[in-house]
Protein backbone atom coordinates (compact mmCIF):
# COMPACT_ATOMS: atom_id res chain seq x y z
CA MET A 1 111.09 95.83 127.33
CA ASN A 2 108.89 95.71 124.20
CA SER A 3 110.73 96.08 120.88
CA VAL A 4 109.43 96.24 117.30
CA THR A 5 110.90 97.16 113.92
CA VAL A 6 108.94 99.87 112.12
CA THR A 7 107.29 98.39 109.05
CA LYS A 8 106.16 100.16 105.88
CA GLU A 9 102.61 100.20 107.28
CA MET A 10 103.78 101.78 110.56
CA ALA A 11 105.98 104.39 108.87
CA GLY A 12 104.57 107.91 109.06
CA LYS A 13 102.63 107.19 112.26
CA THR A 14 103.50 108.92 115.48
CA VAL A 15 104.37 106.75 118.47
CA LYS A 16 100.96 107.65 119.93
CA GLU A 17 99.19 106.50 116.77
CA PHE A 18 101.15 103.25 116.90
CA PHE A 19 99.99 102.67 120.49
CA LEU A 20 96.39 103.44 119.46
CA SER A 21 96.68 100.87 116.65
CA LEU A 22 97.51 98.30 119.35
CA GLN A 23 94.22 99.25 121.04
CA PHE A 24 95.97 100.98 123.98
CA SER A 25 93.60 103.29 125.82
CA THR A 26 94.42 106.97 126.27
CA ALA A 27 94.99 106.30 129.96
CA GLN A 28 97.46 103.51 129.16
CA ILE A 29 99.39 105.75 126.77
CA LYS A 30 99.62 108.48 129.39
CA ARG A 31 100.99 106.01 131.91
CA ILE A 32 103.61 104.75 129.46
CA LYS A 33 104.47 108.37 128.67
CA PHE A 34 104.96 109.46 132.26
CA GLU A 35 105.83 106.23 134.08
CA GLY A 36 107.38 104.06 131.40
CA TYR A 37 110.03 104.40 128.70
CA ILE A 38 109.89 105.13 124.95
CA ALA A 39 112.89 105.20 122.60
CA VAL A 40 113.64 104.93 118.88
CA ASP A 41 116.97 103.37 117.96
CA GLY A 42 118.01 103.77 121.59
CA VAL A 43 117.22 107.49 121.78
CA PRO A 44 114.42 108.43 124.24
CA CYS A 45 111.54 110.23 122.55
CA THR A 46 107.98 111.48 123.10
CA VAL A 47 104.74 110.03 121.77
CA ARG A 48 104.78 112.76 119.08
CA ARG A 49 107.84 111.21 117.40
CA VAL A 50 107.07 110.24 113.78
CA LEU A 51 108.28 106.74 112.95
CA ARG A 52 110.34 105.81 109.87
CA GLN A 53 110.60 102.43 108.22
CA GLY A 54 113.41 100.27 109.57
CA GLU A 55 113.74 102.08 112.88
CA ARG A 56 113.56 100.13 116.13
CA LEU A 57 110.87 101.29 118.55
CA GLU A 58 111.32 100.25 122.17
CA TYR A 59 108.83 100.88 124.94
CA GLN A 60 108.44 99.78 128.51
CA THR A 61 105.06 99.84 130.14
CA TYR A 62 104.67 101.23 133.64
CA ALA A 63 106.28 99.14 136.35
CA LYS A 64 103.10 98.30 138.21
CA VAL A 65 100.74 96.01 136.34
CA PHE A 66 97.13 96.88 137.05
CA ALA A 67 95.41 94.38 139.36
CA PRO A 68 91.73 95.41 139.38
CA PRO A 69 89.56 94.72 142.42
CA PRO A 70 86.94 92.02 141.73
CA SER A 71 83.33 92.97 141.12
CA GLU A 72 80.28 91.05 142.29
CA HIS A 73 79.77 89.61 138.80
CA LYS A 74 82.07 87.19 137.02
CA GLY A 75 82.94 87.99 133.44
CA ASN A 76 81.70 85.82 130.58
CA VAL A 77 84.95 84.05 129.63
CA LEU A 78 84.75 82.21 126.31
CA PHE A 79 88.19 80.57 126.35
CA TYR A 80 91.38 80.54 128.36
CA ASP A 81 94.57 78.58 128.88
CA ARG A 82 97.71 79.37 130.85
CA TYR A 83 98.71 82.16 128.42
CA ILE A 84 95.65 83.93 127.05
CA TYR A 85 91.97 84.50 127.69
CA VAL A 86 89.03 85.59 125.55
CA ALA A 87 85.96 87.23 127.09
CA ASP A 88 82.62 88.60 125.92
CA LYS A 89 82.30 92.28 126.92
CA PRO A 90 78.70 93.45 127.37
CA TYR A 91 77.31 96.57 125.74
CA ASP A 92 77.68 99.78 127.76
CA GLN A 93 80.49 98.40 129.94
CA PRO A 94 83.96 100.02 129.95
CA THR A 95 86.92 97.73 129.40
CA HIS A 96 89.19 99.50 131.91
CA PRO A 97 88.41 101.46 135.07
CA ASP A 98 88.79 105.23 134.72
CA ARG A 99 87.79 108.33 136.63
CA ALA A 100 84.15 107.96 135.66
CA HIS A 101 84.00 104.16 136.12
CA SER A 102 86.08 102.78 138.97
CA GLN A 103 83.99 99.61 139.34
CA ASN A 104 81.77 97.37 137.24
CA THR A 105 84.14 97.32 134.28
CA LEU A 106 85.20 94.25 132.29
CA ALA A 107 88.49 94.34 134.20
CA ASN A 108 86.66 94.02 137.53
CA ASP A 109 84.51 91.18 136.20
CA LEU A 110 87.58 89.31 134.94
CA ALA A 111 89.23 89.70 138.34
CA ALA A 112 86.12 88.12 139.88
CA TYR A 113 86.31 85.24 137.40
CA PHE A 114 90.03 84.46 137.64
CA GLY A 115 90.48 85.28 141.31
CA LYS A 116 93.37 86.52 143.41
CA GLY A 117 96.51 87.53 141.54
CA PHE A 118 94.81 88.42 138.25
CA GLU A 119 96.58 91.24 136.39
CA LEU A 120 94.94 93.03 133.48
CA ARG A 121 96.70 92.87 130.11
CA ILE A 122 94.13 93.56 127.40
CA ALA A 123 95.30 93.19 123.78
CA THR A 124 92.10 94.10 121.90
CA ARG A 125 90.03 96.55 123.89
CA LEU A 126 86.56 97.69 122.80
CA ASP A 127 84.72 100.97 123.24
CA LYS A 128 82.16 101.10 126.03
CA THR A 129 79.32 101.06 123.48
CA THR A 130 80.69 98.13 121.45
CA SER A 131 80.06 94.62 122.73
CA GLY A 132 81.80 91.37 121.94
CA ILE A 133 85.13 89.58 121.98
CA VAL A 134 88.09 90.91 123.93
CA LEU A 135 91.50 89.18 123.95
CA GLY A 136 93.95 89.38 126.85
CA ALA A 137 97.16 87.83 128.17
CA PHE A 138 98.08 86.47 131.59
CA ASP A 139 101.76 87.44 131.43
CA ALA A 140 103.94 90.21 130.02
CA VAL A 141 105.73 88.01 127.47
CA THR A 142 102.48 86.83 125.90
CA ALA A 143 101.09 90.37 125.99
CA ARG A 144 104.11 91.58 124.01
CA LYS A 145 103.65 88.78 121.46
CA LEU A 146 99.98 89.70 121.01
CA GLY A 147 100.92 93.35 120.57
CA ASP A 148 103.40 92.46 117.85
CA MET A 149 100.80 90.25 116.15
CA LEU A 150 98.32 93.12 116.13
CA CYS A 151 100.90 95.38 114.58
CA ARG A 152 101.52 92.84 111.80
CA GLY A 153 97.80 92.31 111.18
CA GLU A 154 97.89 88.70 112.34
CA ILE A 155 94.86 88.97 114.63
CA VAL A 156 91.73 89.16 112.48
CA LYS A 157 88.59 90.63 114.02
CA THR A 158 85.18 90.43 112.36
CA TYR A 159 82.38 92.68 113.57
CA CYS A 160 78.66 92.17 113.13
CA LEU A 161 76.61 95.33 112.78
CA LEU A 162 73.31 96.68 111.63
CA ALA A 163 73.69 99.64 109.29
CA GLU A 164 71.04 102.14 108.25
CA GLY A 165 69.81 101.79 104.67
CA VAL A 166 70.25 98.96 102.19
CA LEU A 167 73.64 97.39 101.53
CA GLN A 168 74.08 94.17 99.57
CA GLY A 169 76.98 92.06 98.36
CA GLU A 170 80.51 92.82 99.43
CA GLY A 171 83.06 95.56 99.08
CA GLU A 172 85.67 97.67 100.78
CA ILE A 173 85.87 101.13 102.28
CA ARG A 174 89.26 102.70 101.67
CA LEU A 175 89.11 106.20 103.14
CA PRO A 176 91.73 108.08 105.21
CA LEU A 177 90.70 108.69 108.80
CA LEU A 178 91.70 111.50 111.14
CA ARG A 179 91.09 111.34 114.89
CA ARG A 180 89.75 114.43 116.67
CA ASP A 181 90.24 113.62 120.33
CA ALA A 182 88.64 116.84 121.58
CA GLN A 183 85.32 115.85 119.98
CA ASN A 184 85.82 112.10 120.56
CA VAL A 185 85.18 111.54 116.87
CA THR A 186 87.03 110.15 113.84
CA VAL A 187 86.44 111.75 110.45
CA VAL A 188 87.32 111.10 106.83
CA ASP A 189 90.05 113.58 105.96
CA ASP A 190 92.77 113.64 103.30
CA CYS A 191 95.21 114.51 106.10
CA GLY A 192 94.27 111.31 107.92
CA LYS A 193 95.86 107.88 107.90
CA PRO A 194 95.11 105.28 105.20
CA SER A 195 92.32 103.02 106.46
CA LEU A 196 90.68 99.93 105.01
CA THR A 197 87.52 98.06 106.02
CA LEU A 198 86.23 94.97 104.20
CA TRP A 199 82.53 94.15 104.35
CA LYS A 200 79.79 91.73 103.32
CA ALA A 201 76.13 92.66 103.68
CA GLN A 202 72.55 91.67 103.08
CA PRO A 203 69.33 93.66 103.47
CA ALA A 204 67.44 93.26 106.75
CA GLY A 205 64.24 95.24 106.48
CA GLU A 206 64.97 98.97 106.52
CA CYS A 207 68.58 98.32 107.51
CA SER A 208 71.36 95.92 106.53
CA LEU A 209 73.14 93.10 108.33
CA VAL A 210 76.85 93.65 107.80
CA TYR A 211 79.99 91.69 108.63
CA ALA A 212 82.98 94.02 108.65
CA THR A 213 86.70 93.32 109.03
CA PRO A 214 88.94 96.31 109.77
CA VAL A 215 92.28 95.68 108.06
CA THR A 216 93.75 98.75 109.72
CA GLY A 217 93.08 99.54 113.37
CA ARG A 218 91.94 103.17 113.62
CA THR A 219 89.86 104.35 116.55
CA HIS A 220 86.13 104.22 115.63
CA GLN A 221 87.15 102.94 112.19
CA ILE A 222 84.00 100.95 111.42
CA ARG A 223 81.71 103.63 112.80
CA ALA A 224 83.41 106.41 110.83
CA HIS A 225 83.72 104.42 107.60
CA PHE A 226 80.08 103.35 107.41
CA ALA A 227 78.88 106.83 108.33
CA ALA A 228 81.04 108.21 105.53
CA ILE A 229 79.33 106.05 102.88
CA GLY A 230 75.87 107.03 104.13
CA HIS A 231 75.16 103.89 106.17
CA PRO A 232 75.93 104.69 109.83
CA VAL A 233 75.75 101.94 112.42
CA CYS A 234 72.19 101.80 113.77
CA GLY A 235 71.90 103.68 117.06
CA ASP A 236 75.22 105.50 116.61
CA VAL A 237 73.98 109.08 117.05
CA LEU A 238 77.57 110.38 117.31
CA TYR A 239 77.99 109.48 113.64
CA GLY A 240 74.59 110.61 112.42
CA ALA A 241 72.35 107.57 112.98
CA ARG A 242 68.89 107.69 114.47
CA PRO A 243 68.63 106.86 118.19
CA ALA A 244 68.11 103.20 119.13
CA GLU A 245 68.27 101.06 122.25
CA ARG A 246 72.01 100.59 121.68
CA ILE A 247 74.73 100.95 119.07
CA MET A 248 74.34 97.83 116.93
CA LEU A 249 78.02 96.91 116.75
CA HIS A 250 79.53 93.69 118.12
CA CYS A 251 82.93 92.01 117.73
CA GLU A 252 81.71 88.55 116.75
CA ARG A 253 84.71 86.55 115.56
CA LEU A 254 88.43 86.45 116.35
CA ARG A 255 91.02 84.44 114.39
CA PHE A 256 94.74 84.14 115.08
CA VAL A 257 97.57 81.69 115.64
CA HIS A 258 98.27 81.11 119.33
CA PRO A 259 101.44 83.08 120.15
CA THR A 260 102.90 80.26 122.27
CA THR A 261 101.47 76.93 121.09
CA GLY A 262 101.30 77.82 117.40
CA MET A 263 97.80 76.34 117.13
CA PRO A 264 95.07 78.17 115.19
CA VAL A 265 92.45 79.79 117.41
CA GLU A 266 89.00 80.90 116.26
CA ILE A 267 86.43 82.27 118.69
CA PHE A 268 82.82 83.01 117.79
CA CYS A 269 80.44 85.03 119.94
CA PRO A 270 77.11 85.84 118.23
CA ALA A 271 75.75 89.37 118.27
CA PRO A 272 72.84 89.66 120.73
CA PHE A 273 70.83 91.91 118.42
CA VAL A 274 70.70 89.39 115.52
CA THR A 275 68.12 86.59 115.38
CA ARG A 276 69.56 83.46 113.79
């Protein structure tokens, strides 16, 4: 059973929004909803329940942990020990299998790498069109610890991106974001949730090389934030950019304290679209 006390930052979110902030996929949330258990202060509730500060949220994931069949290609694993693993997810590859992609996902490639008995527990999933670092756990206890760390903002992710137009220096984007699932898009809206992205940038020809750190964890946060200030991620046509060979967005650096050993961990995986 996973258990967490609702913080000031979590207050006002629905249970579903809390799960999304932990990078749970829509499919995972549905399985928790229908096959697992959700309760606040011991009272069972739905994912629409709005959380209040100081309450105790408990949730149990579905009983069967997903064991993906191995693919023909081994995943690019950057680091692992007996508790966690870090992998580099390629562009245009789903993290989890779904109805449209039952094979050739990162999950299948990790199963090929780690072999028989591998069970998927992804802590920091990425969109299909975003490449880069993904963090996962080998066991349920470590997975719960990573989830709690994400909730407290203790896992810092830095993304490398190319943005249209000229950006220079550093700054922050503090704009509320609202998710519209039907359109698969996130928009700036006063009815949305507070969202903060920190950035540093330098010109790179007709575009800008940007390093962005999302302090909050909204779906499509970086894509929506940079589109909102007139500098969409290059290739991101969904958010108004011109077409390109790919969306130029890559999770390049991950920093956190190991949930079991207490040692600092920093993983770097350079963006493939940047020449250094």
